[in-house]
N, C-alpha and C. Protein backbone atom coordinates (compact mmCIF):
# COMPACT_ATOMS: atom_id res chain seq x y z
N UNK A 1 1.16 -1.24 0.02
CA UNK A 1 -0.20 0.12 0.08
C UNK A 1 0.66 1.21 0.11
N UNK A 2 0.63 2.36 -0.91
CA UNK A 2 1.33 3.65 -0.92
C UNK A 2 0.52 4.15 -0.17
N UNK A 3 1.92 4.99 0.76
CA UNK A 3 1.21 6.38 2.13
C UNK A 3 1.65 7.23 1.40
N UNK A 4 0.85 8.23 1.58
CA UNK A 4 1.15 9.40 1.37
C UNK A 4 2.11 10.03 2.47
N UNK A 5 3.16 10.81 2.35
CA UNK A 5 3.89 10.88 3.55
C UNK A 5 3.01 12.20 4.40
N UNK A 6 2.94 11.93 5.70
CA UNK A 6 2.56 12.90 6.78
C UNK A 6 2.88 14.39 6.23
N UNK A 7 1.47 15.53 6.22
CA UNK A 7 1.92 16.48 5.85
C UNK A 7 3.03 17.15 6.57
N UNK A 8 2.97 16.78 7.92
CA UNK A 8 4.12 17.63 8.95
C UNK A 8 5.44 16.67 9.40
N UNK A 9 5.86 16.14 8.51
CA UNK A 9 6.70 15.02 8.42
C UNK A 9 8.06 15.73 8.91
N UNK A 10 8.32 16.93 8.07
CA UNK A 10 9.39 17.45 8.52
C UNK A 10 9.47 17.84 9.93
N UNK A 11 8.21 18.62 10.65
CA UNK A 11 8.47 18.82 11.75
C UNK A 11 8.53 17.57 13.01
N UNK A 12 8.29 16.34 12.49
CA UNK A 12 8.36 14.88 13.43
C UNK A 12 9.69 14.93 13.20
N UNK A 13 10.64 15.06 12.18
CA UNK A 13 12.14 14.78 11.90
C UNK A 13 12.44 15.42 12.64
N UNK A 14 12.33 16.84 12.91
CA UNK A 14 12.73 17.95 13.71
C UNK A 14 12.78 17.61 15.37
N UNK A 15 11.48 17.30 15.44
CA UNK A 15 11.45 17.00 17.00
C UNK A 15 12.40 15.48 17.48
N UNK A 16 11.97 14.66 16.61
CA UNK A 16 13.01 13.37 16.68
C UNK A 16 14.27 13.79 16.77
N UNK A 17 14.70 14.44 15.98
CA UNK A 17 16.41 14.62 16.29
C UNK A 17 16.78 15.69 17.29
N UNK A 18 15.69 16.66 17.86
CA UNK A 18 16.03 17.25 19.00
C UNK A 18 15.97 16.22 20.46
N UNK A 19 15.25 15.70 20.14
CA UNK A 19 14.79 14.55 21.04
C UNK A 19 16.00 13.38 21.34
N UNK A 20 16.67 13.19 19.87
CA UNK A 20 17.46 11.74 20.06
C UNK A 20 18.76 11.67 20.85
N UNK A 21 18.93 12.86 21.62
CA UNK A 21 20.47 12.91 22.60
C UNK A 21 19.61 12.87 23.71
N UNK A 22 18.63 12.76 24.07
CA UNK A 22 18.02 11.98 24.98
C UNK A 22 17.58 10.14 25.29
N UNK A 23 17.71 9.56 24.39
CA UNK A 23 17.72 8.20 23.91
C UNK A 23 18.81 7.62 24.64
N UNK A 24 18.41 6.61 25.61
CA UNK A 24 19.37 5.76 26.11
C UNK A 24 18.84 4.29 26.35
N UNK A 25 19.98 3.37 26.80
CA UNK A 25 19.87 2.27 27.09
C UNK A 25 18.79 1.79 27.83
N UNK A 26 18.09 0.85 27.53
CA UNK A 26 17.00 0.30 27.88
C UNK A 26 17.09 -1.40 27.71
N UNK A 27 16.76 -1.97 29.01
CA UNK A 27 16.56 -3.39 29.11
C UNK A 27 15.68 -3.94 29.86
N UNK A 28 14.87 -5.08 29.78
CA UNK A 28 13.90 -5.30 30.58
C UNK A 28 13.38 -6.73 29.93
N UNK A 29 12.11 -7.00 30.47
CA UNK A 29 11.29 -8.41 30.05
C UNK A 29 9.72 -7.71 29.39
N UNK A 30 9.52 -7.94 28.93
CA UNK A 30 8.23 -7.46 27.65
C UNK A 30 7.84 -8.73 27.18
N UNK A 31 6.39 -8.33 26.88
CA UNK A 31 5.57 -9.33 26.45
C UNK A 31 4.54 -9.48 25.17
N UNK A 32 4.66 -10.34 24.69
CA UNK A 32 3.61 -10.35 23.03
C UNK A 32 2.45 -11.21 23.17
N UNK A 33 1.60 -10.92 22.63
CA UNK A 33 0.42 -11.86 22.05
C UNK A 33 0.18 -12.32 20.87
N UNK A 34 0.25 -13.44 20.44
CA UNK A 34 0.26 -13.91 19.16
C UNK A 34 -0.91 -14.99 19.11
N UNK A 35 -1.24 -15.01 17.68
CA UNK A 35 -1.59 -16.57 17.37
C UNK A 35 -0.88 -17.81 17.40
N UNK A 36 -1.21 -18.60 17.39
CA UNK A 36 -0.11 -19.85 17.28
C UNK A 36 0.97 -20.09 16.47
N UNK A 37 0.19 -19.57 15.28
CA UNK A 37 1.00 -19.84 13.53
C UNK A 37 2.20 -18.47 13.96
N UNK A 38 1.81 -17.62 14.81
CA UNK A 38 3.20 -16.55 14.48
C UNK A 38 3.91 -16.43 16.20
N UNK A 39 3.82 -17.76 17.02
CA UNK A 39 4.12 -17.21 18.17
C UNK A 39 5.30 -18.12 18.31
N UNK A 40 5.82 -18.25 17.35
CA UNK A 40 7.42 -19.17 17.00
C UNK A 40 8.37 -18.28 17.69
N UNK A 41 9.63 -18.93 18.50
CA UNK A 41 11.04 -17.82 18.90
C UNK A 41 11.23 -17.07 17.47
N UNK A 42 11.19 -18.00 16.27
CA UNK A 42 11.74 -17.34 15.29
C UNK A 42 10.77 -16.11 14.78
N UNK A 43 9.60 -16.19 14.74
CA UNK A 43 8.72 -15.29 14.27
C UNK A 43 8.50 -14.26 15.07
N UNK A 44 8.29 -14.23 16.35
CA UNK A 44 7.84 -13.19 17.26
C UNK A 44 8.68 -12.10 17.41
N UNK A 45 9.72 -12.39 16.93
CA UNK A 45 10.75 -11.27 17.56
C UNK A 45 11.03 -10.51 16.05
N UNK A 46 10.86 -10.69 15.11
CA UNK A 46 11.03 -10.59 13.74
C UNK A 46 10.75 -8.87 13.58
N UNK A 47 9.56 -8.58 13.59
CA UNK A 47 8.67 -7.53 13.21
C UNK A 47 8.23 -7.37 11.75
N UNK A 48 8.38 -8.66 11.05
CA UNK A 48 8.26 -8.47 9.41
C UNK A 48 6.95 -8.59 9.43
N UNK A 49 6.08 -9.21 10.20
CA UNK A 49 4.59 -8.90 9.78
C UNK A 49 3.93 -7.28 10.02
N UNK A 50 4.32 -6.20 11.13
CA UNK A 50 3.79 -4.89 10.92
C UNK A 50 4.61 -4.42 9.71
N UNK A 51 5.98 -4.70 9.33
CA UNK A 51 6.60 -4.10 8.72
C UNK A 51 5.69 -4.08 7.30
N UNK A 52 5.26 -5.31 6.95
CA UNK A 52 4.45 -5.55 5.78
C UNK A 52 3.09 -4.60 6.08
N UNK A 53 2.43 -5.12 6.99
CA UNK A 53 1.01 -4.37 7.13
C UNK A 53 1.00 -2.77 7.55
N UNK A 54 2.08 -2.82 8.64
CA UNK A 54 2.07 -1.47 9.16
C UNK A 54 1.60 -1.60 10.89
N UNK A 55 1.61 -0.46 11.41
CA UNK A 55 0.84 -0.65 12.80
C UNK A 55 1.01 0.77 13.35
N UNK A 56 0.78 1.10 14.32
CA UNK A 56 0.35 2.62 15.00
C UNK A 56 1.37 3.24 14.68
N UNK A 57 2.88 2.67 14.68
CA UNK A 57 4.16 3.41 15.10
C UNK A 57 4.91 3.36 13.72
N UNK A 58 4.54 2.31 12.96
CA UNK A 58 5.43 2.22 11.46
C UNK A 58 4.57 1.98 10.12
N UNK A 59 4.89 2.70 8.82
CA UNK A 59 3.87 2.32 7.79
C UNK A 59 3.83 1.24 7.17
N UNK A 60 2.97 0.76 6.64
CA UNK A 60 3.18 -0.60 5.74
C UNK A 60 3.94 -0.45 4.86
N UNK A 61 4.86 -1.91 4.84
CA UNK A 61 5.88 -1.70 3.77
C UNK A 61 7.04 -0.95 3.99
N UNK A 62 7.17 -0.08 5.20
CA UNK A 62 8.15 0.21 5.37
C UNK A 62 9.60 -0.35 6.21
N UNK A 63 9.16 -0.56 7.33
CA UNK A 63 10.39 -1.32 7.89
C UNK A 63 9.81 -2.54 9.15
N UNK A 64 10.65 -3.27 9.42
CA UNK A 64 10.23 -4.07 10.61
C UNK A 64 9.97 -3.23 11.77
N UNK A 65 8.96 -3.95 12.70
CA UNK A 65 8.68 -3.18 13.98
C UNK A 65 8.03 -4.18 14.78
N UNK A 66 9.03 -4.41 16.05
CA UNK A 66 8.58 -5.20 17.09
C UNK A 66 7.70 -4.16 18.00
N UNK A 67 6.42 -4.56 18.26
CA UNK A 67 5.47 -4.19 18.98
C UNK A 67 5.40 -5.12 20.30
N UNK A 68 5.65 -4.65 21.69
CA UNK A 68 5.43 -5.35 22.75
C UNK A 68 4.86 -4.68 23.75
N UNK A 69 4.70 -5.14 25.23
CA UNK A 69 4.27 -4.51 26.49
C UNK A 69 5.05 -4.79 27.43
N UNK A 70 4.88 -3.86 28.37
CA UNK A 70 5.87 -3.74 29.20
C UNK A 70 4.68 -4.51 30.51
N UNK A 71 3.57 -4.56 30.16
CA UNK A 71 2.75 -5.69 31.37
C UNK A 71 1.88 -6.38 30.29
N UNK A 72 1.82 -7.86 30.70
CA UNK A 72 1.39 -8.65 30.15
C UNK A 72 0.12 -8.72 29.70
N UNK A 73 -0.95 -7.90 30.61
CA UNK A 73 -2.24 -7.48 30.25
C UNK A 73 -2.52 -6.60 29.27
N UNK A 74 -1.19 -5.83 28.98
CA UNK A 74 -1.63 -5.18 28.44
C UNK A 74 -1.20 -5.26 26.80
N UNK A 75 -0.69 -6.28 26.54
CA UNK A 75 0.16 -7.14 25.59
C UNK A 75 -1.50 -8.01 24.99
N UNK A 76 -2.42 -8.58 25.96
CA UNK A 76 -3.69 -9.19 25.50
C UNK A 76 -4.47 -7.97 24.89
N UNK A 77 -4.82 -6.88 26.01
CA UNK A 77 -5.40 -5.52 25.39
C UNK A 77 -5.06 -5.60 23.93
N UNK A 78 -3.71 -5.01 23.68
CA UNK A 78 -2.94 -4.31 22.35
C UNK A 78 -3.31 -5.90 20.96
N UNK A 79 -3.40 -7.14 21.57
CA UNK A 79 -3.63 -7.62 20.28
C UNK A 79 -4.90 -7.90 20.20
N UNK A 80 -6.24 -7.27 21.03
CA UNK A 80 -7.35 -7.74 20.81
C UNK A 80 -8.06 -6.30 19.92
N UNK A 81 -6.94 -5.41 20.47
CA UNK A 81 -7.44 -3.95 19.47
C UNK A 81 -8.17 -3.88 18.31
N UNK A 82 -7.41 -4.53 17.26
CA UNK A 82 -8.00 -4.37 16.41
C UNK A 82 -9.27 -5.04 16.14
N UNK A 83 -9.20 -6.24 16.67
CA UNK A 83 -10.81 -6.77 16.39
C UNK A 83 -11.67 -6.06 17.21
N UNK A 84 -11.73 -5.60 18.21
CA UNK A 84 -12.66 -4.18 18.76
C UNK A 84 -12.75 -3.28 17.61
N UNK A 85 -11.82 -2.83 17.23
CA UNK A 85 -11.64 -1.47 16.19
C UNK A 85 -13.11 -2.14 15.12
N UNK A 86 -12.93 -3.14 14.63
CA UNK A 86 -13.68 -3.61 13.11
C UNK A 86 -14.82 -4.35 13.66
N UNK A 87 -14.81 -4.42 14.75
CA UNK A 87 -16.61 -5.37 15.51
C UNK A 87 -16.21 -6.59 15.07
N UNK A 88 -14.99 -7.16 14.96
CA UNK A 88 -14.90 -9.07 14.83
C UNK A 88 -15.23 -9.63 16.41
N UNK A 89 -15.98 -10.71 16.07
CA UNK A 89 -16.09 -11.50 17.28
C UNK A 89 -14.55 -11.92 17.97
N UNK A 90 -14.36 -11.59 19.55
CA UNK A 90 -13.17 -11.40 19.86
C UNK A 90 -12.77 -13.07 19.92
N UNK A 91 -13.93 -14.36 19.91
CA UNK A 91 -13.50 -15.43 19.61
C UNK A 91 -12.70 -16.12 18.73
N UNK A 92 -12.82 -14.92 17.66
CA UNK A 92 -11.83 -15.34 16.63
C UNK A 92 -10.67 -14.66 16.57
N UNK A 93 -10.30 -14.35 17.57
CA UNK A 93 -8.63 -13.58 17.99
C UNK A 93 -8.06 -15.24 18.73
N UNK A 94 -8.98 -16.12 19.07
CA UNK A 94 -8.44 -17.00 20.01
C UNK A 94 -8.05 -18.17 18.95
N UNK A 95 -7.10 -19.19 19.94
CA UNK A 95 -6.50 -18.88 20.78
C UNK A 95 -5.22 -17.77 20.77
N UNK A 96 -5.06 -17.53 21.61
CA UNK A 96 -3.43 -16.74 21.77
C UNK A 96 -2.42 -17.42 22.78
N UNK A 97 -1.45 -17.25 22.21
CA UNK A 97 -0.37 -17.46 23.10
C UNK A 97 0.62 -16.10 23.37
N UNK A 98 0.94 -16.23 24.77
CA UNK A 98 1.66 -15.25 25.46
C UNK A 98 3.24 -15.60 25.15
N UNK A 99 4.01 -14.60 25.25
CA UNK A 99 5.93 -14.84 25.11
C UNK A 99 6.35 -13.72 25.70
N UNK A 100 7.29 -14.09 26.65
CA UNK A 100 8.00 -13.13 27.27
C UNK A 100 9.48 -12.59 26.53
N UNK A 101 9.77 -11.74 26.64
CA UNK A 101 11.07 -11.87 25.57
C UNK A 101 12.24 -10.81 26.59
N UNK A 102 13.04 -11.00 26.37
CA UNK A 102 14.19 -10.19 27.39
C UNK A 102 14.50 -9.14 26.22
N UNK A 103 14.26 -7.87 26.25
CA UNK A 103 14.86 -6.76 25.49
C UNK A 103 16.40 -6.44 26.29
N UNK A 104 17.42 -5.82 25.63
CA UNK A 104 18.63 -5.06 25.62
C UNK A 104 18.79 -4.29 24.24
N UNK A 105 18.39 -2.70 24.59
CA UNK A 105 18.86 -1.82 23.42
C UNK A 105 19.33 -0.88 24.18
N UNK A 106 20.39 -0.19 22.87
CA UNK A 106 20.97 0.76 23.64
C UNK A 106 20.35 1.97 23.02
N UNK A 107 19.75 2.37 22.24
CA UNK A 107 18.98 3.56 21.78
C UNK A 107 17.74 3.86 21.80
N UNK A 108 17.12 4.39 22.80
CA UNK A 108 15.65 4.13 23.40
C UNK A 108 15.25 5.16 23.73
N UNK A 109 14.26 5.79 23.19
CA UNK A 109 13.87 7.41 23.28
C UNK A 109 12.26 7.11 23.84
N UNK A 110 12.28 7.26 25.46
CA UNK A 110 11.21 7.09 26.75
C UNK A 110 10.37 8.13 26.27
N UNK A 111 9.09 7.92 25.52
CA UNK A 111 8.19 9.38 25.21
C UNK A 111 7.46 9.50 27.00
N UNK A 112 7.69 8.67 28.20
CA UNK A 112 7.47 8.75 29.25
C UNK A 112 8.30 9.82 30.33
N UNK A 113 9.34 10.27 29.50
CA UNK A 113 10.06 11.20 30.48
C UNK A 113 9.45 12.37 30.81
N UNK A 114 9.29 13.12 31.80
CA UNK A 114 8.90 14.23 32.20
C UNK A 114 9.46 15.41 31.21
N UNK A 115 11.11 15.28 31.12
CA UNK A 115 11.25 16.59 30.03
C UNK A 115 10.53 16.78 28.96
N UNK A 116 10.18 15.36 28.32
CA UNK A 116 9.48 15.23 26.73
C UNK A 116 8.23 15.88 26.82
N UNK A 117 7.67 16.15 28.12
CA UNK A 117 6.33 16.06 28.30
C UNK A 117 5.53 17.56 27.78
N UNK A 118 6.32 18.48 27.84
CA UNK A 118 5.42 19.77 27.07
C UNK A 118 5.56 19.82 25.73
N UNK A 119 6.73 19.24 24.99
CA UNK A 119 6.83 19.29 23.53
C UNK A 119 6.06 18.03 22.97
N UNK A 120 6.33 16.94 23.35
CA UNK A 120 5.07 15.62 23.37
C UNK A 120 3.78 15.83 23.64
N UNK A 121 3.35 16.98 24.27
CA UNK A 121 1.91 17.15 24.38
C UNK A 121 0.87 17.23 23.16
N UNK A 122 1.97 17.82 22.32
CA UNK A 122 0.79 17.99 21.18
C UNK A 122 0.65 16.54 20.06
N UNK A 123 1.88 15.94 19.91
CA UNK A 123 2.08 15.20 18.84
C UNK A 123 1.11 14.21 19.82
N UNK A 124 0.90 13.70 20.98
CA UNK A 124 0.63 12.88 21.55
C UNK A 124 -1.04 13.09 21.62
N UNK A 125 -1.48 14.64 21.73
CA UNK A 125 -2.64 14.89 21.38
C UNK A 125 -3.50 14.72 20.16
N UNK A 126 -2.04 14.97 19.40
CA UNK A 126 -3.13 14.56 17.89
C UNK A 126 -3.04 13.04 17.68
N UNK A 127 -2.20 12.11 18.23
CA UNK A 127 -2.19 10.71 18.28
C UNK A 127 -3.55 10.42 18.68
N UNK A 128 -3.81 10.78 19.87
CA UNK A 128 -4.90 10.03 20.74
C UNK A 128 -6.34 10.38 20.18
N UNK A 129 -6.58 11.70 19.09
CA UNK A 129 -7.38 12.53 18.63
C UNK A 129 -7.51 11.18 17.04
N UNK A 130 -6.72 10.96 16.54
CA UNK A 130 -6.60 10.72 15.05
C UNK A 130 -6.77 8.97 15.07
N UNK A 131 -7.66 8.46 13.74
CA UNK A 131 -8.10 7.58 13.70
C UNK A 131 -6.79 6.72 12.78
N UNK A 132 -5.87 6.30 13.53
CA UNK A 132 -4.47 5.80 12.55
C UNK A 132 -4.98 4.57 11.52
N UNK A 133 -5.87 3.88 12.08
CA UNK A 133 -6.00 2.62 10.80
C UNK A 133 -7.14 3.80 9.76
N UNK A 134 -8.14 4.42 9.83
CA UNK A 134 -8.50 4.98 9.16
C UNK A 134 -8.03 6.00 8.00
N UNK A 135 -6.80 6.76 9.02
CA UNK A 135 -5.60 7.59 7.98
C UNK A 135 -5.16 6.41 7.43
N UNK A 136 -4.42 5.62 7.53
CA UNK A 136 -3.67 4.64 6.71
C UNK A 136 -4.91 4.41 5.40
N UNK A 137 -5.92 3.48 5.48
CA UNK A 137 -6.74 3.06 4.81
C UNK A 137 -7.00 4.16 3.95
N UNK A 138 -6.56 5.37 4.08
CA UNK A 138 -7.44 6.21 2.96
C UNK A 138 -6.10 6.58 2.61
N UNK A 139 -4.98 6.13 2.91
CA UNK A 139 -3.67 6.50 1.86
C UNK A 139 -3.13 7.47 2.48
N UNK A 140 -3.05 7.83 3.51
CA UNK A 140 -2.14 9.07 4.27
C UNK A 140 -1.38 8.30 5.47
N UNK A 141 -0.31 9.10 5.90
CA UNK A 141 0.34 8.44 7.14
C UNK A 141 0.04 9.29 8.27
N UNK A 142 -0.45 8.40 9.05
CA UNK A 142 -1.06 9.05 10.53
C UNK A 142 0.26 9.81 11.24
N UNK A 143 -0.13 10.59 12.08
CA UNK A 143 1.18 11.36 12.99
C UNK A 143 1.84 10.27 13.64
N UNK A 144 1.05 9.19 14.49
CA UNK A 144 2.02 8.19 14.88
C UNK A 144 3.12 7.44 14.17
N UNK A 145 2.63 7.19 12.67
CA UNK A 145 3.66 6.40 12.15
C UNK A 145 4.47 7.30 11.30
N UNK A 146 4.05 8.80 11.47
CA UNK A 146 5.14 9.98 11.00
C UNK A 146 6.39 9.84 11.94
N UNK A 147 6.08 9.83 13.35
CA UNK A 147 6.78 10.06 14.43
C UNK A 147 7.79 8.81 14.56
N UNK A 148 6.92 7.50 14.35
CA UNK A 148 7.80 6.29 14.27
C UNK A 148 9.03 6.36 13.21
N UNK A 149 8.48 6.81 12.03
CA UNK A 149 9.24 6.54 10.99
C UNK A 149 10.65 7.75 10.94
N UNK A 150 10.40 8.76 11.52
CA UNK A 150 11.42 9.82 11.44
C UNK A 150 12.42 9.30 13.08
N UNK A 151 11.91 8.51 14.13
CA UNK A 151 12.61 7.75 14.98
C UNK A 151 13.26 6.63 13.98
N UNK A 152 12.81 5.72 13.46
CA UNK A 152 13.64 4.95 12.52
C UNK A 152 14.56 5.57 12.17
N UNK A 153 14.25 6.60 10.98
CA UNK A 153 15.42 7.44 10.06
C UNK A 153 16.44 7.93 11.00
N UNK A 154 16.33 7.98 12.08
CA UNK A 154 16.87 8.87 13.07
C UNK A 154 18.16 7.59 13.91
N UNK A 155 18.11 6.97 13.17
CA UNK A 155 18.66 5.73 13.82
C UNK A 155 18.38 4.75 15.21
N UNK A 156 17.33 5.65 16.12
CA UNK A 156 16.60 5.11 17.24
C UNK A 156 16.36 3.55 17.35
N UNK A 157 16.93 3.20 17.96
CA UNK A 157 16.29 1.32 18.05
C UNK A 157 14.90 0.83 18.86
N UNK A 158 14.22 2.35 19.37
CA UNK A 158 13.27 1.83 19.64
C UNK A 158 12.83 2.81 20.52
N UNK A 159 10.86 2.59 21.25
CA UNK A 159 10.81 3.94 21.74
C UNK A 159 9.83 3.27 22.69
N UNK A 160 9.74 3.75 23.97
CA UNK A 160 8.73 3.68 24.79
C UNK A 160 7.51 4.44 24.62
N UNK A 161 6.40 3.66 24.48
CA UNK A 161 5.09 4.72 24.10
C UNK A 161 4.07 4.36 25.20
N UNK A 162 3.20 5.15 25.59
CA UNK A 162 1.97 5.20 26.18
C UNK A 162 1.16 3.91 25.30
N UNK A 163 0.29 2.99 25.95
CA UNK A 163 -0.37 2.11 25.14
C UNK A 163 -2.03 2.66 25.14
N UNK A 164 -2.27 2.72 23.92
CA UNK A 164 -3.69 3.18 23.71
C UNK A 164 -4.51 2.45 24.03
N UNK A 165 -4.40 0.90 24.23
CA UNK A 165 -5.66 0.01 24.28
C UNK A 165 -5.79 -0.35 26.02
N UNK A 166 -4.57 -0.17 26.68
CA UNK A 166 -4.61 -0.48 27.91
C UNK A 166 -4.16 1.08 28.99
N UNK A 167 -5.14 1.39 29.70
CA UNK A 167 -4.64 2.50 30.28
C UNK A 167 -3.50 2.63 31.28
N UNK A 168 -2.55 3.15 31.24
CA UNK A 168 -1.68 3.10 32.42
C UNK A 168 -0.59 2.03 31.94
N UNK A 169 -0.44 1.99 31.00
CA UNK A 169 0.52 0.95 30.11
C UNK A 169 1.10 1.36 29.28
N UNK A 170 2.36 0.46 29.03
CA UNK A 170 3.70 1.33 28.20
C UNK A 170 4.03 -0.08 27.30
N UNK A 171 4.19 0.56 26.00
CA UNK A 171 4.72 -0.46 24.87
C UNK A 171 5.77 -0.29 24.46
N UNK A 172 6.44 -1.42 24.22
CA UNK A 172 7.88 -0.76 23.64
C UNK A 172 7.57 -1.23 22.23
N UNK A 173 8.23 -0.06 21.38
CA UNK A 173 8.69 -0.05 20.05
C UNK A 173 10.01 -0.26 19.45
N UNK A 174 10.04 -1.56 18.77
CA UNK A 174 11.40 -1.65 18.78
C UNK A 174 11.77 -1.90 16.86
N UNK A 175 12.87 -1.09 16.73
CA UNK A 175 12.97 -1.22 15.19
C UNK A 175 14.42 -2.13 14.99
N UNK A 176 14.21 -3.59 14.82
CA UNK A 176 15.12 -4.25 14.18
C UNK A 176 16.47 -4.16 13.70
N UNK A 177 16.10 -3.30 12.53
CA UNK A 177 17.02 -2.95 11.41
C UNK A 177 17.78 -1.98 11.89
N UNK A 178 17.47 -1.54 13.07
CA UNK A 178 18.34 -0.54 13.72
C UNK A 178 19.38 -0.94 14.83
N UNK A 179 19.17 -2.13 15.13
CA UNK A 179 19.97 -2.65 16.58
C UNK A 179 21.41 -2.64 16.15
N UNK A 180 22.19 -1.97 17.29
CA UNK A 180 23.29 -2.15 17.31
C UNK A 180 23.72 -3.71 17.36
N UNK A 181 24.70 -4.00 17.29
CA UNK A 181 25.81 -5.30 17.43
C UNK A 181 25.50 -5.80 18.45
N UNK A 182 25.24 -5.48 19.85
CA UNK A 182 25.08 -5.86 20.94
C UNK A 182 23.62 -5.90 21.73
N UNK A 183 22.66 -5.15 20.55
CA UNK A 183 21.20 -5.10 21.06
C UNK A 183 20.36 -6.34 20.56
N UNK A 184 19.54 -6.48 21.46
CA UNK A 184 18.85 -8.15 20.96
C UNK A 184 17.45 -7.81 21.38
N UNK A 185 16.40 -8.77 20.97
CA UNK A 185 14.91 -9.00 21.52
C UNK A 185 15.19 -10.90 21.67
N UNK A 186 15.08 -11.21 22.44
CA UNK A 186 15.54 -12.87 22.48
C UNK A 186 13.88 -13.49 23.34
N UNK A 187 13.32 -14.49 22.68
CA UNK A 187 12.04 -15.19 24.01
C UNK A 187 12.83 -15.86 24.74
N UNK A 188 12.09 -15.45 26.12
CA UNK A 188 12.54 -16.04 27.34
C UNK A 188 12.62 -17.69 27.42
N UNK A 189 11.40 -17.94 27.15
CA UNK A 189 11.57 -19.42 27.24
C UNK A 189 10.90 -20.32 25.78
């Protein structure tokens, strides 16, 4: 799917370049929920599915992106969000398998940082109000994808972002194509 670049992409690039010096190493355990078909260790850490289809923070056909949650409950909410959005029966999303992943990244920009709050407020307000799926379906790049693309192009390895499917939860958006030699995402079990 060809996507028209976001009308304010240059501003997104400028903002991400300005914030990039605040990127820091991040490591921890995160969670993913997937159907059995895509829950194999070799599949769940590639980000190829979202690279092809797109997601909140990456455009379709752009770059591989691994979406994970810092809380297992948020991983379930995130995995069901599309079913709820389209009004599909939730039983069609089942069964689901949860995988725990160990993450070690060098350049992660944490959108939860208080120092970013004033500058991020406008961007996050636009993201919250925007129906990213409808914007993408209309052939335009949503605001969140513009920020994600700017972060990827700036060489960041990931973003810590608020979950829009689970209140007070955090998601990790990781860009495997930017990983340093020592960076990794691996399945724990």
